[in-house]
Amino acid sequence: MKVYRQVLAAPGALGVLILGLLARIPFSTLGLLLTLHCVFGLGRSYLEAGLIVTASTLGTAISSPWRGRLVDRHGLRRALVPSLIIEPLALVGAAFAGYELLVALAFLGGLFSIPVWTIVRTSLSVIVPATLRRSAFSLDAVFTEVVFMAGPAAATIVAMRIGTQETLLIVAALVVAAGVGLMIANPPTRSSQVMLPTRLPAPLEASENAALAQKKVILEAKVAEDLTTGQIPVVTEEMLTGRAPSARGALLTAGGLTLLLATAVGNGTIMATDMSIVAILESAGTGAAIAVAMSVWCFGSLVGGFAYGAASRTIGPLWVLLGLGVLTMPVAFASTLPLLLVAVFLAGLGLAPLITSTGEAISQRVPEEVRGEAMGWHGSAMTVGAAIGSPLFGAVIDARGATWGVALAAIAAIVVALIGLIARQIRRQRRLRELRLRFA
């Protein structure tokens, strides 16, 4: 627990984690609540309910990088203003709308969803030293698991007792509370926000202002000095190209796309496991055990997240994805309830580590100035994985059974991970050969 004590000892880290936990509560309920409202409130089919959730998910996937970019450029408070107005109004409208309008409002609400994921991860990457970032992200993943264990269950209970329409209005109010809370707390998203302000003595301040006015001359002199003394100057992308750093430039590369693909495939596997647990237990006539199985699955994720965050060695995202696929496979072969509970616990061990490892790797590929946008891309990859994986593996479950659905999802994770690892090894060997030829 030493690394976790160090994370929590960082000024502001515990506050950001708790703030993220509370702010995620209303958003953890939206998918299930929209489904319940469509089926029980409007009397539509589960397929039509799925289209509503897909519309909301699509809106979130499109907007995540854009919302993260707004946080980077304009700060948290200005970036939250559109979300604080539009998303609650969309939820209030959804409570009274017909089906066709509900689909449009779900998309609009997703498009202007408050980027809690981006804000929390970006803030933690600033508050916590880079050496502890994996542990901080693991703690955040664990906190998120707690939210998704409690939030949807609470929303279901409330919706069944007072109605889905009233529950949507409550969630809209909670979204407003989450947005206002984030704006009041205003967690730092830049290193400059956690540095103590200082007032320089007047003569020193005048000298510094004069130096800043001669920035170009000083930079040229510094480069000349570095060349004379043999020091290696720090050259940034902006100095070389004259352009500001870009998250897309760092992520739309072979390595960045591999990370985004691993995130999407891993989250698709997670969604397939979720649906398969329900389908397996329903087909066996033990639907009452669904809540128990889900709790065991989430508990496995808690254990895996704690273990991964406390590990002294870094385990790459592709290896974590491979482990997730291998650990998920036993779910397909569990023939009894006790065996299924053991299998879902094992499958859960890779859940939080996948989210943590991919998020950490993506945050390390970009400079601080665009980290919010990068975390938005990470969130979009997770959303796209869920949006594609749910209907794809759901169709497999309908056609061939639940065991085939989870098995194919696990195989997909294993295959993608192995291809990525082999390609990375080939690339490394090619670079080594090039270096040997160059210096031979």
Protein backbone atom coordinates (compact mmCIF):
# COMPACT_ATOMS: atom_id res chain seq x y z
CA MET A 1 0.00 0.00 0.00
CA LYS A 2 3.03 2.31 0.05
CA VAL A 3 2.46 3.65 -3.46
CA TYR A 4 -1.18 4.37 -2.69
CA ARG A 5 -0.23 6.26 0.46
CA GLN A 6 2.14 8.32 -1.67
CA VAL A 7 -0.62 9.05 -4.19
CA LEU A 8 -3.06 10.12 -1.49
CA ALA A 9 -0.36 12.23 0.15
CA ALA A 10 -0.06 14.35 -3.00
CA PRO A 11 -1.87 17.66 -2.32
CA GLY A 12 -5.34 17.55 -3.84
CA ALA A 13 -5.22 13.94 -5.07
CA LEU A 14 -7.78 12.56 -2.61
CA GLY A 15 -10.11 15.47 -3.31
CA VAL A 16 -9.96 14.87 -7.06
CA LEU A 17 -10.64 11.14 -6.61
CA ILE A 18 -13.66 11.78 -4.36
CA LEU A 19 -14.90 14.52 -6.68
CA GLY A 20 -14.64 12.14 -9.63
CA LEU A 21 -16.52 9.45 -7.72
CA LEU A 22 -19.42 11.77 -6.86
CA ALA A 23 -19.54 13.42 -10.29
CA ARG A 24 -19.70 10.05 -12.09
CA ILE A 25 -22.77 8.85 -10.18
CA PRO A 26 -25.46 10.37 -12.45
CA PHE A 27 -23.59 9.39 -15.62
CA SER A 28 -23.25 5.77 -14.49
CA THR A 29 -27.06 5.50 -14.49
CA LEU A 30 -27.87 7.03 -17.88
CA GLY A 31 -27.53 3.96 -20.14
CA LEU A 32 -29.69 1.74 -17.97
CA LEU A 33 -32.13 4.53 -17.13
CA LEU A 34 -32.73 5.42 -20.79
CA THR A 35 -33.34 1.72 -21.48
CA LEU A 36 -35.86 1.44 -18.63
CA HIS A 37 -37.62 4.64 -19.70
CA CYS A 38 -37.92 3.46 -23.30
CA VAL A 39 -39.21 -0.02 -22.39
CA PHE A 40 -41.40 0.69 -19.35
CA GLY A 41 -42.14 4.40 -19.80
CA LEU A 42 -42.81 4.44 -23.55
CA GLY A 43 -43.66 0.76 -24.03
CA ARG A 44 -41.09 0.23 -26.79
CA SER A 45 -38.87 -2.78 -27.50
CA TYR A 46 -35.38 -3.47 -26.17
CA LEU A 47 -34.03 -3.04 -29.71
CA GLU A 48 -35.45 0.48 -29.83
CA ALA A 49 -34.02 1.12 -26.36
CA GLY A 50 -30.64 -0.04 -27.62
CA LEU A 51 -30.79 2.53 -30.42
CA ILE A 52 -31.31 5.28 -27.84
CA VAL A 53 -28.28 4.14 -25.84
CA THR A 54 -26.29 3.91 -29.07
CA ALA A 55 -27.25 7.49 -29.96
CA SER A 56 -26.11 8.72 -26.54
CA THR A 57 -22.91 6.70 -26.80
CA LEU A 58 -22.20 8.00 -30.30
CA GLY A 59 -22.61 11.58 -29.14
CA THR A 60 -20.18 11.01 -26.27
CA ALA A 61 -17.63 9.32 -28.55
CA ILE A 62 -17.71 12.21 -31.02
CA SER A 63 -17.44 14.92 -28.40
CA SER A 64 -14.85 13.52 -25.99
CA PRO A 65 -11.71 14.75 -27.82
CA TRP A 66 -13.40 18.07 -28.59
CA ARG A 67 -14.45 18.59 -24.96
CA GLY A 68 -10.95 17.68 -23.80
CA ARG A 69 -9.49 20.22 -26.24
CA LEU A 70 -11.74 22.91 -24.76
CA VAL A 71 -10.43 22.10 -21.28
CA ASP A 72 -6.85 22.38 -22.57
CA ARG A 73 -7.41 25.71 -24.33
CA HIS A 74 -9.96 27.57 -22.20
CA GLY A 75 -9.77 26.00 -18.78
CA LEU A 76 -12.21 23.80 -16.92
CA ARG A 77 -14.84 26.37 -15.99
CA ARG A 78 -15.34 27.84 -19.45
CA ALA A 79 -15.35 24.38 -21.00
CA LEU A 80 -18.13 23.21 -18.67
CA VAL A 81 -20.59 26.03 -19.36
CA PRO A 82 -22.18 24.49 -22.52
CA SER A 83 -22.47 21.08 -20.85
CA LEU A 84 -23.99 22.55 -17.70
CA ILE A 85 -26.79 24.12 -19.77
CA ILE A 86 -27.47 21.71 -22.63
CA GLU A 87 -27.12 18.25 -21.07
CA PRO A 88 -29.58 18.80 -18.17
CA LEU A 89 -32.08 20.40 -20.58
CA ALA A 90 -31.73 17.39 -22.88
CA LEU A 91 -32.48 15.04 -19.97
CA VAL A 92 -35.51 17.10 -18.89
CA GLY A 93 -36.78 17.04 -22.48
CA ALA A 94 -36.14 13.27 -22.67
CA ALA A 95 -38.45 12.72 -19.71
CA PHE A 96 -41.40 14.14 -21.68
CA ALA A 97 -40.46 13.35 -25.31
CA GLY A 98 -41.75 10.70 -27.66
CA TYR A 99 -39.47 8.02 -29.04
CA GLU A 100 -38.15 9.79 -32.14
CA LEU A 101 -37.37 13.01 -30.26
CA LEU A 102 -35.87 10.95 -27.43
CA VAL A 103 -33.27 9.50 -29.80
CA ALA A 104 -32.25 13.01 -30.90
CA LEU A 105 -32.11 14.29 -27.30
CA ALA A 106 -30.02 11.30 -26.24
CA PHE A 107 -27.50 12.13 -28.98
CA LEU A 108 -27.50 15.83 -28.02
CA GLY A 109 -27.01 14.99 -24.34
CA GLY A 110 -24.10 12.70 -25.20
CA LEU A 111 -22.59 15.36 -27.45
CA PHE A 112 -22.52 17.86 -24.58
CA SER A 113 -21.85 15.36 -21.79
CA ILE A 114 -19.72 16.70 -18.94
CA PRO A 115 -16.22 15.23 -19.55
CA VAL A 116 -15.75 13.88 -16.02
CA TRP A 117 -13.38 11.14 -17.20
CA THR A 118 -11.15 13.63 -19.02
CA ILE A 119 -11.13 16.13 -16.15
CA VAL A 120 -10.27 13.61 -13.45
CA ARG A 121 -7.51 11.84 -15.40
CA THR A 122 -5.98 15.11 -16.62
CA SER A 123 -6.00 16.55 -13.12
CA LEU A 124 -4.43 13.44 -11.60
CA SER A 125 -1.68 13.49 -14.22
CA VAL A 126 -0.83 17.04 -13.07
CA ILE A 127 -1.15 16.56 -9.31
CA VAL A 128 0.64 13.21 -9.03
CA PRO A 129 4.26 12.67 -10.13
CA ALA A 130 4.70 10.66 -13.33
CA THR A 131 6.22 7.77 -11.37
CA LEU A 132 2.95 7.39 -9.44
CA ARG A 133 0.56 8.03 -12.33
CA ARG A 134 -0.22 4.34 -12.86
CA SER A 135 -1.16 3.95 -9.19
CA ALA A 136 -3.29 7.11 -9.30
CA PHE A 137 -5.12 5.91 -12.41
CA SER A 138 -5.63 2.51 -10.76
CA LEU A 139 -7.23 4.16 -7.74
CA ASP A 140 -9.48 6.15 -10.05
CA ALA A 141 -10.46 2.94 -11.86
CA VAL A 142 -11.30 1.33 -8.52
CA PHE A 143 -13.41 4.34 -7.51
CA THR A 144 -15.17 4.11 -10.88
CA GLU A 145 -15.95 0.43 -10.27
CA VAL A 146 -17.58 1.36 -6.96
CA VAL A 147 -19.75 3.93 -8.77
CA PHE A 148 -20.87 1.45 -11.43
CA MET A 149 -21.63 -1.14 -8.78
CA ALA A 150 -23.95 1.19 -6.88
CA GLY A 151 -25.24 3.80 -9.36
CA PRO A 152 -27.23 1.68 -11.84
CA ALA A 153 -28.68 -0.47 -9.05
CA ALA A 154 -29.88 2.62 -7.18
CA ALA A 155 -31.34 4.12 -10.35
CA THR A 156 -33.25 0.90 -11.07
CA ILE A 157 -34.76 0.83 -7.59
CA VAL A 158 -35.82 4.49 -7.77
CA ALA A 159 -37.20 4.12 -11.32
CA MET A 160 -39.28 1.09 -10.37
CA ARG A 161 -40.73 2.86 -7.32
CA ILE A 162 -41.46 6.39 -8.53
CA GLY A 163 -41.26 6.03 -12.32
CA THR A 164 -38.66 6.52 -15.02
CA GLN A 165 -39.84 10.03 -15.91
CA GLU A 166 -39.32 11.33 -12.39
CA THR A 167 -35.98 9.52 -12.14
CA LEU A 168 -34.74 11.24 -15.31
CA LEU A 169 -35.56 14.60 -13.72
CA ILE A 170 -33.62 13.60 -10.59
CA VAL A 171 -30.62 12.57 -12.68
CA ALA A 172 -30.81 15.89 -14.57
CA ALA A 173 -30.59 17.70 -11.23
CA LEU A 174 -27.63 15.50 -10.22
CA VAL A 175 -25.89 16.35 -13.51
CA VAL A 176 -26.28 20.05 -12.67
CA ALA A 177 -24.89 19.37 -9.19
CA ALA A 178 -21.92 17.49 -10.67
CA GLY A 179 -21.15 20.30 -13.10
CA VAL A 180 -21.45 23.01 -10.46
CA GLY A 181 -19.30 20.98 -8.07
CA LEU A 182 -16.58 20.60 -10.68
CA MET A 183 -16.68 24.32 -11.46
CA ILE A 184 -16.45 25.27 -7.78
CA ALA A 185 -13.65 22.80 -7.04
CA ASN A 186 -11.89 23.67 -10.34
CA PRO A 187 -9.27 20.88 -10.07
CA PRO A 188 -5.98 21.80 -11.77
CA THR A 189 -5.42 20.64 -15.34
CA ARG A 190 -2.05 22.38 -15.81
CA SER A 191 1.13 22.27 -13.71
CA SER A 192 1.06 26.05 -13.47
CA GLN A 193 -2.17 25.81 -11.46
CA VAL A 194 -0.52 23.83 -8.66
CA MET A 195 2.51 26.09 -8.32
CA LEU A 196 2.41 28.64 -5.51
CA PRO A 197 2.22 32.23 -6.81
CA THR A 198 5.19 34.36 -5.87
CA ARG A 199 5.77 38.08 -5.91
CA LEU A 200 9.26 39.01 -7.00
CA PRO A 201 11.08 42.04 -5.58
CA ALA A 202 10.65 45.08 -7.85
CA PRO A 203 14.26 45.14 -9.19
CA LEU A 204 14.20 41.40 -9.96
CA GLU A 205 10.76 41.64 -11.60
CA ALA A 206 12.00 44.49 -13.81
CA SER A 207 15.01 42.41 -14.83
CA GLU A 208 12.83 39.42 -15.63
CA ASN A 209 10.48 41.52 -17.75
CA ALA A 210 13.44 42.89 -19.67
CA ALA A 211 14.74 39.36 -20.19
CA LEU A 212 11.37 38.19 -21.49
CA ALA A 213 11.35 41.09 -23.93
CA GLN A 214 14.65 39.82 -25.30
CA LYS A 215 13.51 36.18 -25.40
CA LYS A 216 14.73 35.52 -28.95
CA VAL A 217 18.18 36.97 -28.31
CA ILE A 218 18.55 35.00 -25.07
CA LEU A 219 17.43 31.78 -26.78
CA GLU A 220 20.06 32.22 -29.51
CA ALA A 221 22.73 32.92 -26.89
CA LYS A 222 21.65 29.84 -24.91
CA VAL A 223 21.91 27.62 -27.99
CA ALA A 224 25.39 29.00 -28.74
CA GLU A 225 26.40 28.35 -25.13
CA ASP A 226 25.07 24.79 -25.29
CA LEU A 227 27.03 24.15 -28.48
CA THR A 228 30.19 25.49 -26.83
CA THR A 229 29.85 23.55 -23.59
CA GLY A 230 28.49 20.35 -25.17
CA GLN A 231 25.15 20.53 -23.34
CA ILE A 232 22.11 19.11 -25.13
CA PRO A 233 19.45 21.82 -25.46
CA VAL A 234 15.82 20.99 -24.87
CA VAL A 235 14.06 21.36 -28.21
CA THR A 236 10.28 21.27 -28.22
CA GLU A 237 7.93 20.57 -31.11
CA GLU A 238 6.78 24.18 -31.04
CA MET A 239 10.38 25.44 -31.37
CA LEU A 240 11.01 23.19 -34.36
CA THR A 241 7.78 23.63 -36.28
CA GLY A 242 6.33 26.87 -34.98
CA ARG A 243 3.08 25.02 -34.26
CA ALA A 244 1.49 24.19 -30.94
CA PRO A 245 1.61 20.52 -29.86
CA SER A 246 -1.28 18.33 -31.00
CA ALA A 247 -2.78 15.26 -29.39
CA ARG A 248 -3.87 13.97 -32.78
CA GLY A 249 -0.33 14.21 -34.09
CA ALA A 250 0.88 11.99 -31.23
CA LEU A 251 -2.00 9.50 -31.29
CA LEU A 252 -2.64 9.13 -35.03
CA THR A 253 0.60 7.18 -35.39
CA ALA A 254 1.27 3.44 -35.40
CA GLY A 255 1.93 3.37 -31.66
CA GLY A 256 -0.94 5.70 -30.77
CA LEU A 257 -3.47 3.89 -32.95
CA THR A 258 -2.37 0.59 -31.43
CA LEU A 259 -3.19 1.95 -27.97
CA LEU A 260 -6.59 3.23 -29.11
CA LEU A 261 -7.34 -0.11 -30.80
CA ALA A 262 -6.33 -2.02 -27.65
CA THR A 263 -8.63 0.22 -25.61
CA ALA A 264 -11.58 -0.33 -27.97
CA VAL A 265 -11.09 -4.11 -28.28
CA GLY A 266 -10.63 -4.48 -24.53
CA ASN A 267 -13.80 -2.54 -23.78
CA GLY A 268 -15.69 -4.57 -26.38
CA THR A 269 -14.54 -7.73 -24.58
CA ILE A 270 -15.74 -6.27 -21.29
CA MET A 271 -19.19 -5.52 -22.76
CA ALA A 272 -19.39 -9.03 -24.23
CA THR A 273 -18.61 -10.48 -20.80
CA ASP A 274 -21.30 -8.31 -19.24
CA MET A 275 -23.98 -9.51 -21.68
CA SER A 276 -22.82 -13.12 -21.55
CA ILE A 277 -23.08 -13.28 -17.76
CA VAL A 278 -26.71 -12.20 -17.99
CA ALA A 279 -27.48 -14.56 -20.89
CA ILE A 280 -25.79 -17.58 -19.28
CA LEU A 281 -27.66 -17.19 -16.01
CA GLU A 282 -31.00 -16.44 -17.72
CA SER A 283 -30.72 -19.53 -19.93
CA ALA A 284 -29.86 -21.65 -16.89
CA GLY A 285 -32.92 -20.38 -15.02
CA THR A 286 -30.80 -18.69 -12.34
CA GLY A 287 -31.52 -15.06 -13.23
CA ALA A 288 -31.72 -14.20 -9.53
CA ALA A 289 -27.95 -14.72 -9.30
CA ILE A 290 -27.16 -12.01 -11.88
CA ALA A 291 -26.58 -9.37 -9.21
CA VAL A 292 -24.25 -11.71 -7.31
CA ALA A 293 -22.25 -12.56 -10.45
CA MET A 294 -21.93 -8.89 -11.39
CA SER A 295 -20.73 -8.02 -7.90
CA VAL A 296 -18.11 -10.79 -8.02
CA TRP A 297 -17.00 -9.54 -11.45
CA CYS A 298 -16.63 -5.98 -10.15
CA PHE A 299 -14.81 -7.24 -7.06
CA GLY A 300 -12.34 -9.01 -9.33
CA SER A 301 -11.80 -5.69 -11.10
CA LEU A 302 -11.16 -3.98 -7.75
CA VAL A 303 -8.55 -6.60 -6.85
CA GLY A 304 -6.93 -6.41 -10.28
CA GLY A 305 -6.86 -2.62 -10.18
CA PHE A 306 -5.21 -2.52 -6.76
CA ALA A 307 -2.64 -5.14 -7.75
CA TYR A 308 -1.79 -3.44 -11.03
CA GLY A 309 -1.41 -0.03 -9.44
CA ALA A 310 0.87 -1.40 -6.72
CA ALA A 311 3.12 -3.34 -9.11
CA SER A 312 6.73 -2.18 -9.16
CA ARG A 313 7.17 -3.06 -12.86
CA THR A 314 5.21 -1.55 -15.72
CA ILE A 315 3.07 -4.03 -17.65
CA GLY A 316 2.34 -2.74 -21.16
CA PRO A 317 -1.25 -2.31 -22.41
CA LEU A 318 -0.89 -5.08 -25.03
CA TRP A 319 0.20 -7.55 -22.36
CA VAL A 320 -2.74 -6.46 -20.20
CA LEU A 321 -5.09 -6.94 -23.16
CA LEU A 322 -3.65 -10.41 -23.71
CA GLY A 323 -4.19 -11.20 -20.03
CA LEU A 324 -7.77 -9.92 -20.21
CA GLY A 325 -8.51 -12.24 -23.13
CA VAL A 326 -6.95 -15.26 -21.43
CA LEU A 327 -8.70 -14.57 -18.10
CA THR A 328 -12.07 -14.02 -19.82
CA MET A 329 -12.01 -17.32 -21.72
CA PRO A 330 -13.01 -19.53 -18.71
CA VAL A 331 -16.40 -17.77 -18.58
CA ALA A 332 -17.35 -19.62 -21.79
CA PHE A 333 -16.69 -23.02 -20.19
CA ALA A 334 -18.31 -22.50 -16.77
CA SER A 335 -21.05 -25.13 -16.48
CA THR A 336 -22.28 -24.46 -12.95
CA LEU A 337 -22.96 -21.34 -10.88
CA PRO A 338 -19.94 -21.79 -8.56
CA LEU A 339 -17.63 -22.27 -11.56
CA LEU A 340 -19.15 -19.22 -13.25
CA LEU A 341 -18.53 -17.08 -10.16
CA VAL A 342 -14.87 -18.16 -10.14
CA ALA A 343 -14.61 -17.49 -13.88
CA VAL A 344 -16.14 -13.99 -13.71
CA PHE A 345 -13.82 -13.11 -10.81
CA LEU A 346 -10.84 -14.08 -12.99
CA ALA A 347 -12.28 -12.10 -15.91
CA GLY A 348 -12.64 -9.07 -13.66
CA LEU A 349 -8.95 -9.12 -12.75
CA GLY A 350 -8.05 -7.65 -16.13
CA LEU A 351 -10.81 -5.04 -16.34
CA ALA A 352 -9.43 -2.10 -14.32
CA PRO A 353 -5.79 -2.78 -15.37
CA LEU A 354 -6.79 -2.46 -19.04
CA ILE A 355 -8.40 0.94 -18.50
CA THR A 356 -5.49 2.08 -16.34
CA SER A 357 -2.66 0.85 -18.58
CA THR A 358 -4.09 2.30 -21.79
CA GLY A 359 -4.86 5.62 -20.10
CA GLU A 360 -1.36 5.85 -18.63
CA ALA A 361 0.31 4.98 -21.94
CA ILE A 362 -1.74 7.57 -23.83
CA SER A 363 -1.04 10.28 -21.25
CA GLN A 364 2.69 9.63 -21.61
CA ARG A 365 2.62 10.08 -25.39
CA VAL A 366 1.48 13.70 -25.32
CA PRO A 367 2.71 16.91 -23.66
CA GLU A 368 0.76 18.41 -20.80
CA GLU A 369 -0.74 21.15 -23.00
CA VAL A 370 -2.92 18.64 -24.90
CA ARG A 371 -3.37 15.92 -22.30
CA GLY A 372 -7.06 16.72 -21.85
CA GLU A 373 -7.71 16.09 -25.54
CA ALA A 374 -5.67 12.86 -25.36
CA MET A 375 -7.78 11.64 -22.45
CA GLY A 376 -10.82 12.50 -24.55
CA TRP A 377 -9.51 10.24 -27.33
CA HIS A 378 -9.04 7.50 -24.73
CA GLY A 379 -12.62 7.92 -23.59
CA SER A 380 -13.83 7.86 -27.19
CA ALA A 381 -11.96 4.62 -27.86
CA MET A 382 -13.64 3.03 -24.84
CA THR A 383 -17.03 4.29 -25.98
CA VAL A 384 -16.55 3.09 -29.57
CA GLY A 385 -15.44 -0.33 -28.29
CA ALA A 386 -18.61 -0.62 -26.23
CA ALA A 387 -20.82 0.71 -29.04
CA ILE A 388 -19.43 -1.79 -31.56
CA GLY A 389 -18.93 -4.69 -29.18
CA SER A 390 -22.43 -4.63 -27.68
CA PRO A 391 -24.42 -5.24 -30.90
CA LEU A 392 -21.71 -7.40 -32.51
CA PHE A 393 -21.30 -9.88 -29.68
CA GLY A 394 -24.98 -9.52 -28.81
CA ALA A 395 -25.79 -10.84 -32.29
CA VAL A 396 -23.41 -13.76 -31.72
CA ILE A 397 -25.12 -14.52 -28.41
CA ASP A 398 -28.55 -14.46 -30.12
CA ALA A 399 -27.39 -16.73 -32.95
CA ARG A 400 -25.01 -19.18 -31.23
CA GLY A 401 -25.47 -18.75 -27.49
CA ALA A 402 -23.79 -16.86 -24.65
CA THR A 403 -20.70 -19.08 -24.50
CA TRP A 404 -19.86 -18.30 -28.12
CA GLY A 405 -20.24 -14.57 -27.53
CA VAL A 406 -17.79 -14.34 -24.66
CA ALA A 407 -15.41 -16.86 -26.27
CA LEU A 408 -15.15 -14.89 -29.53
CA ALA A 409 -14.66 -11.65 -27.57
CA ALA A 410 -11.82 -13.23 -25.60
CA ILE A 411 -10.26 -14.61 -28.79
CA ALA A 412 -10.47 -11.16 -30.41
CA ALA A 413 -8.60 -9.62 -27.46
CA ILE A 414 -5.92 -12.33 -27.58
CA VAL A 415 -5.45 -12.06 -31.37
CA VAL A 416 -5.21 -8.24 -31.38
CA ALA A 417 -2.76 -8.31 -28.47
CA LEU A 418 -0.54 -10.95 -30.11
CA ILE A 419 -0.53 -9.12 -33.46
CA GLY A 420 0.44 -5.90 -31.71
CA LEU A 421 3.21 -7.54 -29.68
CA ILE A 422 4.63 -9.34 -32.74
CA ALA A 423 4.50 -6.16 -34.84
CA ARG A 424 6.25 -4.20 -32.09
CA GLN A 425 8.99 -6.84 -31.82
CA ILE A 426 9.52 -6.83 -35.61
CA ARG A 427 9.75 -3.04 -35.56
CA ARG A 428 12.32 -3.10 -32.77
CA GLN A 429 14.47 -5.66 -34.58
CA ARG A 430 14.31 -3.59 -37.77
CA ARG A 431 15.47 -0.49 -35.88
CA LEU A 432 18.33 -2.46 -34.30
CA ARG A 433 19.46 -3.66 -37.74
CA GLU A 434 19.35 -0.10 -39.08
CA LEU A 435 21.44 1.15 -36.15
CA ARG A 436 23.99 -1.64 -36.60
CA LEU A 437 24.31 -0.87 -40.31
CA ARG A 438 24.67 2.84 -39.59
CA PHE A 439 27.48 2.42 -37.07
CA ALA A 440 29.16 -0.58 -38.69
